[in-house]
Amino acid sequence: MRAIWSEEHPAFEGRFFRFGGVNAYPRPVQQPTPSLVVGGRSAGAYRRAVQQAHGWYGFSLTPEQTSAALADLLAATEEWPRPPELGPLEISITPPRGEIDRDLVRRYADLGVERLIILPPYERDADAYERCVAHIGTRLLD
């Protein structure tokens, strides 16, 4: 993807994949790349996040699961070098569905989570989405 995003005639040849003679437009305005975020809770995902990404994303994680994942990420930073140009690894989490209150938001923040991505309700109607947004705006944000 980095080659496609930045090179005039992108090509790549790796162990498992290769391409050439392709191009993609429009190219991102963020150069050299848009912010890359890696998700997953495996040793390989943590390594990729540390070595190549601007952020790491955990889906449907409780604060306890988040804490364990962040400990694994910290261990990965001790094993794999992080390029300084990537800056600090930004942490994004989607909590499990359910009632979210300020205490829960604070628990994630205390762990070092910069961004919570809140899932909308299961109901697929405008009123349910409006209630969800109102809840976030009136009960979670200062």
N, C-alpha and C. Protein backbone atom coordinates (compact mmCIF):
# COMPACT_ATOMS: atom_id res chain seq x y z
N MET A 1 0.82 -1.20 0.00
CA MET A 1 0.00 0.00 0.00
C MET A 1 0.87 1.26 0.00
N ARG A 2 1.96 1.21 0.74
CA ARG A 2 2.82 2.40 0.76
C ARG A 2 3.34 2.72 -0.64
N ALA A 3 3.70 1.70 -1.40
CA ALA A 3 4.17 1.92 -2.76
C ALA A 3 3.05 2.50 -3.62
N ILE A 4 1.87 1.92 -3.54
CA ILE A 4 0.74 2.42 -4.33
C ILE A 4 0.41 3.86 -3.98
N TRP A 5 0.51 4.19 -2.70
CA TRP A 5 0.17 5.54 -2.27
C TRP A 5 1.20 6.58 -2.66
N SER A 6 2.46 6.18 -2.92
CA SER A 6 3.49 7.21 -3.05
C SER A 6 4.37 7.13 -4.29
N GLU A 7 4.39 6.00 -4.99
CA GLU A 7 5.32 5.86 -6.11
C GLU A 7 4.63 6.06 -7.45
N GLU A 8 5.39 6.61 -8.39
CA GLU A 8 4.85 6.85 -9.74
C GLU A 8 4.52 5.54 -10.44
N HIS A 9 5.38 4.55 -10.30
CA HIS A 9 5.17 3.22 -10.91
C HIS A 9 5.33 2.18 -9.80
N PRO A 10 4.30 2.00 -8.97
CA PRO A 10 4.45 1.12 -7.82
C PRO A 10 4.63 -0.35 -8.21
N ALA A 11 5.46 -1.02 -7.46
CA ALA A 11 5.68 -2.45 -7.61
C ALA A 11 6.17 -2.97 -6.27
N PHE A 12 5.88 -4.23 -6.02
CA PHE A 12 6.29 -4.84 -4.77
C PHE A 12 6.51 -6.33 -5.00
N GLU A 13 7.54 -6.87 -4.38
CA GLU A 13 7.75 -8.31 -4.41
C GLU A 13 8.19 -8.75 -3.03
N GLY A 14 7.35 -9.54 -2.40
CA GLY A 14 7.64 -10.04 -1.06
C GLY A 14 7.53 -11.55 -1.03
N ARG A 15 7.61 -12.08 0.14
CA ARG A 15 7.59 -13.53 0.31
C ARG A 15 6.24 -14.13 -0.10
N PHE A 16 5.15 -13.45 0.22
CA PHE A 16 3.82 -14.01 -0.02
C PHE A 16 3.01 -13.27 -1.08
N PHE A 17 3.50 -12.16 -1.55
CA PHE A 17 2.69 -11.33 -2.42
C PHE A 17 3.58 -10.50 -3.32
N ARG A 18 3.10 -10.25 -4.54
CA ARG A 18 3.83 -9.34 -5.44
C ARG A 18 2.84 -8.70 -6.40
N PHE A 19 3.20 -7.50 -6.87
CA PHE A 19 2.39 -6.83 -7.88
C PHE A 19 3.26 -5.86 -8.66
N GLY A 20 2.78 -5.46 -9.78
CA GLY A 20 3.40 -4.46 -10.62
C GLY A 20 2.41 -4.04 -11.68
N GLY A 21 2.66 -2.91 -12.33
CA GLY A 21 1.79 -2.44 -13.39
C GLY A 21 0.41 -2.00 -12.91
N VAL A 22 0.31 -1.62 -11.67
CA VAL A 22 -0.96 -1.12 -11.14
C VAL A 22 -0.77 0.30 -10.62
N ASN A 23 -1.85 0.98 -10.48
CA ASN A 23 -1.81 2.31 -9.90
C ASN A 23 -3.16 2.60 -9.29
N ALA A 24 -3.20 3.49 -8.34
CA ALA A 24 -4.45 3.85 -7.68
C ALA A 24 -4.52 5.36 -7.54
N TYR A 25 -5.62 5.91 -7.93
CA TYR A 25 -5.85 7.35 -7.82
C TYR A 25 -7.23 7.56 -7.22
N PRO A 26 -7.47 8.61 -6.52
CA PRO A 26 -6.49 9.63 -6.13
C PRO A 26 -5.59 9.11 -5.02
N ARG A 27 -4.40 9.65 -4.98
CA ARG A 27 -3.47 9.29 -3.92
C ARG A 27 -3.81 10.10 -2.67
N PRO A 28 -3.47 9.54 -1.51
CA PRO A 28 -3.76 10.27 -0.27
C PRO A 28 -3.01 11.60 -0.22
N VAL A 29 -3.63 12.59 0.38
CA VAL A 29 -2.95 13.86 0.58
C VAL A 29 -1.96 13.77 1.74
N GLN A 30 -2.19 12.84 2.66
CA GLN A 30 -1.27 12.64 3.77
C GLN A 30 -0.05 11.90 3.25
N GLN A 31 1.10 12.53 3.31
CA GLN A 31 2.32 11.90 2.83
C GLN A 31 3.32 11.81 3.97
N PRO A 32 4.04 10.70 4.09
CA PRO A 32 4.14 9.67 3.08
C PRO A 32 2.96 8.70 3.04
N THR A 33 2.18 8.60 4.14
CA THR A 33 1.00 7.74 4.12
C THR A 33 -0.07 8.32 5.04
N PRO A 34 -1.31 7.89 4.87
CA PRO A 34 -2.30 8.19 5.90
C PRO A 34 -1.89 7.47 7.19
N SER A 35 -2.50 7.86 8.28
CA SER A 35 -2.23 7.16 9.53
C SER A 35 -2.67 5.71 9.40
N LEU A 36 -1.79 4.81 9.78
CA LEU A 36 -2.07 3.38 9.71
C LEU A 36 -2.40 2.87 11.11
N VAL A 37 -3.46 2.10 11.21
CA VAL A 37 -3.88 1.52 12.48
C VAL A 37 -3.98 0.02 12.29
N VAL A 38 -3.36 -0.73 13.19
CA VAL A 38 -3.38 -2.19 13.14
C VAL A 38 -4.27 -2.69 14.27
N GLY A 39 -5.11 -3.65 13.96
CA GLY A 39 -5.93 -4.29 14.97
C GLY A 39 -5.50 -5.72 15.17
N GLY A 40 -5.96 -6.31 16.25
CA GLY A 40 -5.67 -7.71 16.50
C GLY A 40 -4.96 -7.91 17.81
N ARG A 41 -5.11 -9.12 18.34
CA ARG A 41 -4.51 -9.44 19.63
C ARG A 41 -3.62 -10.68 19.52
N SER A 42 -2.74 -10.65 18.56
CA SER A 42 -1.77 -11.73 18.40
C SER A 42 -0.37 -11.12 18.46
N ALA A 43 0.61 -11.96 18.65
CA ALA A 43 1.99 -11.47 18.69
C ALA A 43 2.33 -10.74 17.39
N GLY A 44 1.88 -11.28 16.25
CA GLY A 44 2.15 -10.64 14.97
C GLY A 44 1.47 -9.28 14.84
N ALA A 45 0.23 -9.18 15.31
CA ALA A 45 -0.48 -7.89 15.25
C ALA A 45 0.21 -6.86 16.12
N TYR A 46 0.65 -7.26 17.31
CA TYR A 46 1.36 -6.32 18.18
C TYR A 46 2.68 -5.88 17.55
N ARG A 47 3.41 -6.82 16.95
CA ARG A 47 4.67 -6.47 16.28
C ARG A 47 4.42 -5.49 15.15
N ARG A 48 3.42 -5.77 14.30
CA ARG A 48 3.11 -4.86 13.19
C ARG A 48 2.71 -3.48 13.69
N ALA A 49 1.93 -3.43 14.75
CA ALA A 49 1.54 -2.14 15.30
C ALA A 49 2.76 -1.36 15.76
N VAL A 50 3.65 -2.03 16.49
CA VAL A 50 4.83 -1.36 17.02
C VAL A 50 5.76 -0.91 15.90
N GLN A 51 5.98 -1.75 14.91
CA GLN A 51 6.99 -1.46 13.89
C GLN A 51 6.47 -0.62 12.73
N GLN A 52 5.17 -0.65 12.44
CA GLN A 52 4.71 -0.04 11.20
C GLN A 52 3.52 0.90 11.31
N ALA A 53 2.84 0.91 12.43
CA ALA A 53 1.57 1.64 12.49
C ALA A 53 1.64 2.87 13.39
N HIS A 54 0.69 3.75 13.16
CA HIS A 54 0.55 4.93 14.01
C HIS A 54 -0.33 4.60 15.22
N GLY A 55 -1.16 3.57 15.08
CA GLY A 55 -2.07 3.24 16.17
C GLY A 55 -2.38 1.76 16.22
N TRP A 56 -2.99 1.38 17.34
CA TRP A 56 -3.48 0.02 17.53
C TRP A 56 -4.95 0.09 17.93
N TYR A 57 -5.75 -0.86 17.42
CA TYR A 57 -7.19 -0.87 17.64
C TYR A 57 -7.63 -2.20 18.24
N GLY A 58 -8.36 -2.12 19.32
CA GLY A 58 -8.94 -3.30 19.95
C GLY A 58 -10.45 -3.25 19.88
N PHE A 59 -11.07 -4.31 19.39
CA PHE A 59 -12.53 -4.34 19.18
C PHE A 59 -13.21 -5.14 20.28
N SER A 60 -14.26 -4.56 20.82
CA SER A 60 -15.12 -5.21 21.81
C SER A 60 -14.32 -5.69 23.02
N LEU A 61 -13.52 -4.78 23.57
CA LEU A 61 -12.67 -5.11 24.71
C LEU A 61 -13.16 -4.41 25.98
N THR A 62 -13.27 -5.17 27.05
CA THR A 62 -13.54 -4.58 28.36
C THR A 62 -12.28 -3.88 28.84
N PRO A 63 -12.37 -3.08 29.90
CA PRO A 63 -11.15 -2.49 30.45
C PRO A 63 -10.12 -3.55 30.86
N GLU A 64 -10.57 -4.66 31.40
CA GLU A 64 -9.64 -5.71 31.80
C GLU A 64 -8.94 -6.33 30.59
N GLN A 65 -9.69 -6.58 29.54
CA GLN A 65 -9.09 -7.12 28.31
C GLN A 65 -8.16 -6.09 27.67
N THR A 66 -8.55 -4.83 27.75
CA THR A 66 -7.71 -3.75 27.22
C THR A 66 -6.39 -3.69 27.98
N SER A 67 -6.45 -3.80 29.30
CA SER A 67 -5.25 -3.77 30.11
C SER A 67 -4.30 -4.90 29.72
N ALA A 68 -4.84 -6.09 29.52
CA ALA A 68 -4.01 -7.23 29.12
C ALA A 68 -3.39 -7.01 27.74
N ALA A 69 -4.18 -6.48 26.81
CA ALA A 69 -3.66 -6.22 25.46
C ALA A 69 -2.57 -5.15 25.50
N LEU A 70 -2.76 -4.12 26.31
CA LEU A 70 -1.76 -3.07 26.40
C LEU A 70 -0.47 -3.59 27.04
N ALA A 71 -0.58 -4.53 27.96
CA ALA A 71 0.62 -5.16 28.52
C ALA A 71 1.35 -5.94 27.43
N ASP A 72 0.61 -6.62 26.58
CA ASP A 72 1.23 -7.34 25.47
C ASP A 72 1.87 -6.37 24.47
N LEU A 73 1.23 -5.25 24.23
CA LEU A 73 1.82 -4.23 23.35
C LEU A 73 3.10 -3.68 23.95
N LEU A 74 3.09 -3.43 25.24
CA LEU A 74 4.30 -2.94 25.91
C LEU A 74 5.43 -3.96 25.78
N ALA A 75 5.11 -5.23 25.94
CA ALA A 75 6.13 -6.27 25.77
C ALA A 75 6.66 -6.27 24.34
N ALA A 76 5.79 -6.03 23.37
CA ALA A 76 6.23 -5.97 21.97
C ALA A 76 7.17 -4.79 21.74
N THR A 77 6.93 -3.66 22.42
CA THR A 77 7.83 -2.50 22.26
C THR A 77 9.20 -2.79 22.83
N GLU A 78 9.27 -3.70 23.79
CA GLU A 78 10.58 -4.06 24.35
C GLU A 78 11.32 -5.04 23.45
N GLU A 79 10.58 -5.74 22.61
CA GLU A 79 11.20 -6.73 21.71
C GLU A 79 11.50 -6.18 20.32
N TRP A 80 10.65 -5.28 19.84
CA TRP A 80 10.76 -4.78 18.47
C TRP A 80 10.97 -3.27 18.48
N PRO A 81 11.90 -2.77 17.66
CA PRO A 81 12.14 -1.32 17.62
C PRO A 81 10.97 -0.57 16.98
N ARG A 82 10.66 0.59 17.53
CA ARG A 82 9.61 1.44 16.97
C ARG A 82 10.29 2.62 16.28
N PRO A 83 10.03 2.80 14.97
CA PRO A 83 10.62 3.95 14.27
C PRO A 83 10.15 5.26 14.91
N PRO A 84 11.08 6.14 15.24
CA PRO A 84 10.70 7.38 15.92
C PRO A 84 9.74 8.25 15.11
N GLU A 85 9.81 8.17 13.77
CA GLU A 85 8.93 9.01 12.95
C GLU A 85 7.45 8.63 13.09
N LEU A 86 7.17 7.45 13.64
CA LEU A 86 5.77 7.06 13.85
C LEU A 86 5.18 7.72 15.09
N GLY A 87 6.02 8.21 16.00
CA GLY A 87 5.52 8.83 17.22
C GLY A 87 4.94 7.79 18.16
N PRO A 88 4.29 8.26 19.21
CA PRO A 88 3.69 7.31 20.17
C PRO A 88 2.58 6.50 19.51
N LEU A 89 2.40 5.28 19.94
CA LEU A 89 1.35 4.42 19.42
C LEU A 89 0.01 4.86 20.01
N GLU A 90 -0.90 5.30 19.16
CA GLU A 90 -2.22 5.75 19.62
C GLU A 90 -3.13 4.53 19.81
N ILE A 91 -3.87 4.53 20.90
CA ILE A 91 -4.71 3.39 21.25
C ILE A 91 -6.18 3.75 21.07
N SER A 92 -6.88 2.93 20.28
CA SER A 92 -8.32 3.09 20.07
C SER A 92 -9.00 1.78 20.48
N ILE A 93 -10.12 1.92 21.16
CA ILE A 93 -10.87 0.75 21.63
C ILE A 93 -12.35 0.94 21.33
N THR A 94 -12.98 -0.15 20.90
CA THR A 94 -14.44 -0.21 20.88
C THR A 94 -14.86 -1.06 22.07
N PRO A 95 -15.54 -0.45 23.05
CA PRO A 95 -16.03 -1.25 24.17
C PRO A 95 -17.13 -2.21 23.71
N PRO A 96 -17.40 -3.26 24.48
CA PRO A 96 -18.54 -4.11 24.16
C PRO A 96 -19.83 -3.30 24.19
N ARG A 97 -20.83 -3.72 23.46
CA ARG A 97 -22.11 -3.02 23.49
C ARG A 97 -22.66 -3.03 24.91
N GLY A 98 -23.36 -2.00 25.24
CA GLY A 98 -23.96 -1.88 26.56
C GLY A 98 -23.90 -0.44 27.02
N GLU A 99 -24.40 -0.22 28.20
CA GLU A 99 -24.44 1.13 28.77
C GLU A 99 -23.03 1.63 29.05
N ILE A 100 -22.73 2.80 28.55
CA ILE A 100 -21.42 3.41 28.78
C ILE A 100 -21.64 4.67 29.59
N ASP A 101 -20.92 4.77 30.70
CA ASP A 101 -21.04 5.95 31.53
C ASP A 101 -19.66 6.60 31.70
N ARG A 102 -19.63 7.73 32.38
CA ARG A 102 -18.36 8.45 32.53
C ARG A 102 -17.31 7.64 33.29
N ASP A 103 -17.75 6.84 34.25
CA ASP A 103 -16.80 6.02 34.98
C ASP A 103 -16.10 5.04 34.05
N LEU A 104 -16.85 4.41 33.17
CA LEU A 104 -16.25 3.47 32.22
C LEU A 104 -15.30 4.20 31.27
N VAL A 105 -15.71 5.36 30.79
CA VAL A 105 -14.84 6.15 29.91
C VAL A 105 -13.54 6.49 30.64
N ARG A 106 -13.66 6.89 31.90
CA ARG A 106 -12.48 7.24 32.70
C ARG A 106 -11.57 6.02 32.89
N ARG A 107 -12.15 4.85 33.09
CA ARG A 107 -11.34 3.63 33.26
C ARG A 107 -10.50 3.37 32.01
N TYR A 108 -11.10 3.53 30.84
CA TYR A 108 -10.33 3.36 29.60
C TYR A 108 -9.24 4.43 29.50
N ALA A 109 -9.60 5.67 29.79
CA ALA A 109 -8.61 6.76 29.71
C ALA A 109 -7.44 6.51 30.66
N ASP A 110 -7.74 6.02 31.86
CA ASP A 110 -6.67 5.74 32.82
C ASP A 110 -5.71 4.67 32.32
N LEU A 111 -6.19 3.80 31.44
CA LEU A 111 -5.33 2.76 30.85
C LEU A 111 -4.44 3.31 29.73
N GLY A 112 -4.78 4.52 29.23
CA GLY A 112 -4.02 5.10 28.14
C GLY A 112 -4.74 5.08 26.81
N VAL A 113 -6.03 4.77 26.83
CA VAL A 113 -6.81 4.77 25.60
C VAL A 113 -7.09 6.21 25.19
N GLU A 114 -6.72 6.56 23.95
CA GLU A 114 -6.96 7.92 23.45
C GLU A 114 -8.33 8.07 22.80
N ARG A 115 -8.86 6.98 22.26
CA ARG A 115 -10.08 7.09 21.46
C ARG A 115 -10.99 5.90 21.75
N LEU A 116 -12.24 6.20 22.13
CA LEU A 116 -13.27 5.16 22.24
C LEU A 116 -14.17 5.26 21.03
N ILE A 117 -14.41 4.14 20.41
CA ILE A 117 -15.29 4.06 19.26
C ILE A 117 -16.53 3.32 19.72
N ILE A 118 -17.61 4.04 19.88
CA ILE A 118 -18.82 3.48 20.47
C ILE A 118 -19.73 2.97 19.37
N LEU A 119 -20.14 1.71 19.52
CA LEU A 119 -21.04 1.11 18.54
C LEU A 119 -22.44 1.68 18.68
N PRO A 120 -23.12 1.89 17.56
CA PRO A 120 -24.51 2.34 17.64
C PRO A 120 -25.39 1.20 18.14
N PRO A 121 -26.62 1.50 18.49
CA PRO A 121 -27.53 0.46 18.98
C PRO A 121 -27.84 -0.56 17.88
N TYR A 122 -28.32 -1.73 18.33
CA TYR A 122 -28.72 -2.77 17.38
C TYR A 122 -29.89 -2.32 16.52
N GLU A 123 -30.78 -1.55 17.13
CA GLU A 123 -31.96 -1.10 16.38
C GLU A 123 -31.52 -0.26 15.19
N ARG A 124 -32.17 -0.48 14.08
CA ARG A 124 -31.79 0.22 12.86
C ARG A 124 -32.80 1.32 12.53
N ASP A 125 -33.09 2.15 13.52
CA ASP A 125 -34.02 3.25 13.23
C ASP A 125 -33.43 4.56 13.74
N ALA A 126 -33.90 5.63 13.15
CA ALA A 126 -33.35 6.95 13.42
C ALA A 126 -33.50 7.34 14.89
N ASP A 127 -34.60 6.98 15.52
CA ASP A 127 -34.81 7.34 16.92
C ASP A 127 -33.76 6.69 17.84
N ALA A 128 -33.44 5.43 17.58
CA ALA A 128 -32.44 4.74 18.40
C ALA A 128 -31.07 5.40 18.24
N TYR A 129 -30.71 5.76 17.02
CA TYR A 129 -29.44 6.43 16.79
C TYR A 129 -29.43 7.81 17.45
N GLU A 130 -30.53 8.51 17.36
CA GLU A 130 -30.62 9.83 17.98
C GLU A 130 -30.46 9.73 19.50
N ARG A 131 -31.09 8.74 20.12
CA ARG A 131 -30.94 8.53 21.57
C ARG A 131 -29.48 8.21 21.91
N CYS A 132 -28.83 7.41 21.08
CA CYS A 132 -27.42 7.06 21.31
C CYS A 132 -26.54 8.31 21.25
N VAL A 133 -26.72 9.11 20.24
CA VAL A 133 -25.91 10.34 20.10
C VAL A 133 -26.21 11.30 21.24
N ALA A 134 -27.47 11.43 21.63
CA ALA A 134 -27.83 12.31 22.74
C ALA A 134 -27.18 11.82 24.03
N HIS A 135 -27.17 10.51 24.25
CA HIS A 135 -26.55 9.94 25.44
C HIS A 135 -25.05 10.29 25.46
N ILE A 136 -24.40 10.12 24.34
CA ILE A 136 -22.97 10.45 24.28
C ILE A 136 -22.77 11.93 24.56
N GLY A 137 -23.58 12.77 23.92
CA GLY A 137 -23.40 14.22 24.06
C GLY A 137 -23.74 14.77 25.42
N THR A 138 -24.74 14.20 26.08
CA THR A 138 -25.17 14.77 27.36
C THR A 138 -24.60 14.06 28.58
N ARG A 139 -24.23 12.79 28.44
CA ARG A 139 -23.78 12.04 29.62
C ARG A 139 -22.31 11.68 29.62
N LEU A 140 -21.65 11.76 28.45
CA LEU A 140 -20.26 11.33 28.40
C LEU A 140 -19.28 12.46 28.16
N LEU A 141 -19.71 13.48 27.46
CA LEU A 141 -18.79 14.57 27.10
C LEU A 141 -18.92 15.71 28.07
N ASP A 142 -17.80 16.36 28.37
CA ASP A 142 -17.83 17.54 29.24
C ASP A 142 -18.22 18.76 28.46
